Amino acid sequence: MTPADTDLAGIHCRLDELLASRGMTLTALSDAVGVSIVNLSVLKNDRAKAIRFSTLVAICDALGCEVGDLLVRVQ
């Protein structure tokens, strides 16, 4: 089985919860990390199929969190 064959439904992005707990908007995060609001919205709504490591690092830096705080496995 290749990574492309794996079901991505088991990964949840906690971006919405992290933004709310920090009082930050998606627009402010977009400005801080240089990623479009549309792409962040796709990630926030668990519709992303991939994410660049550089984007993960930028989001985590802006939110002051770890990757494991942002992306969690659900079963």
Protein backbone atom coordinates (compact mmCIF):
# COMPACT_ATOMS: atom_id res chain seq x y z
CA MET A 1 0.00 0.00 0.00
CA THR A 2 1.35 3.41 -0.94
CA PRO A 3 0.72 6.62 1.02
CA ALA A 4 -1.64 7.73 -1.75
CA ASP A 5 -3.80 4.68 -1.09
CA THR A 6 -4.26 5.47 2.60
CA ASP A 7 -7.56 6.81 3.85
CA LEU A 8 -7.02 10.39 5.05
CA ALA A 9 -10.25 10.44 7.05
CA GLY A 10 -8.26 9.41 10.11
CA ILE A 11 -6.44 12.78 10.31
CA HIS A 12 -8.14 15.79 11.86
CA CYS A 13 -6.76 19.31 11.64
CA ARG A 14 -7.39 21.30 14.83
CA LEU A 15 -6.73 24.66 13.15
CA ASP A 16 -10.16 26.04 14.05
CA GLU A 17 -9.73 25.20 17.75
CA LEU A 18 -6.18 26.59 17.87
CA LEU A 19 -7.23 29.83 16.19
CA ALA A 20 -10.15 30.26 18.60
CA SER A 21 -8.01 29.62 21.67
CA ARG A 22 -5.55 32.27 20.52
CA GLY A 23 -8.16 34.80 19.44
CA MET A 24 -6.74 34.78 15.92
CA THR A 25 -8.64 34.89 12.65
CA LEU A 26 -7.92 32.89 9.53
CA THR A 27 -7.11 36.20 7.80
CA ALA A 28 -4.50 37.08 10.44
CA LEU A 29 -2.95 33.61 10.14
CA SER A 30 -2.91 33.93 6.37
CA ASP A 31 -1.05 37.23 6.64
CA ALA A 32 1.39 35.77 9.18
CA VAL A 33 2.31 32.65 7.21
CA GLY A 34 1.87 33.77 3.61
CA VAL A 35 -0.66 31.07 2.74
CA SER A 36 -3.95 31.97 1.08
CA ILE A 37 -7.14 32.01 3.11
CA VAL A 38 -8.60 29.48 0.67
CA ASN A 39 -5.78 27.00 1.28
CA LEU A 40 -5.99 27.48 5.05
CA SER A 41 -9.75 26.98 4.87
CA VAL A 42 -9.25 23.68 3.02
CA LEU A 43 -6.89 22.59 5.79
CA LYS A 44 -9.20 23.83 8.55
CA ASN A 45 -12.17 21.94 7.14
CA ASP A 46 -10.27 18.63 6.85
CA ARG A 47 -10.39 18.67 3.06
CA ALA A 48 -6.62 18.84 2.47
CA LYS A 49 -4.95 15.81 0.94
CA ALA A 50 -1.40 17.07 1.53
CA ILE A 51 0.52 19.85 3.25
CA ARG A 52 4.08 21.03 2.77
CA PHE A 53 6.41 20.73 5.72
CA SER A 54 7.31 24.42 5.28
CA THR A 55 3.61 25.31 5.62
CA LEU A 56 3.29 23.14 8.73
CA VAL A 57 6.31 24.83 10.29
CA ALA A 58 5.02 28.32 9.44
CA ILE A 59 1.56 27.61 10.89
CA CYS A 60 3.01 26.07 14.04
CA ASP A 61 5.40 29.02 14.48
CA ALA A 62 2.55 31.52 14.07
CA LEU A 63 0.31 29.64 16.52
CA GLY A 64 3.07 28.71 18.97
CA CYS A 65 2.22 25.03 18.79
CA GLU A 66 3.66 21.69 17.74
CA VAL A 67 2.61 19.66 14.70
CA GLY A 68 0.93 17.17 17.06
CA ASP A 69 -1.22 19.99 18.43
CA LEU A 70 -2.39 20.87 14.93
CA LEU A 71 -2.84 17.43 13.36
CA VAL A 72 -4.29 14.54 15.33
CA ARG A 73 -5.20 11.02 14.38
CA VAL A 74 -8.82 10.01 14.97
CA GLN A 75 -10.27 6.55 14.65
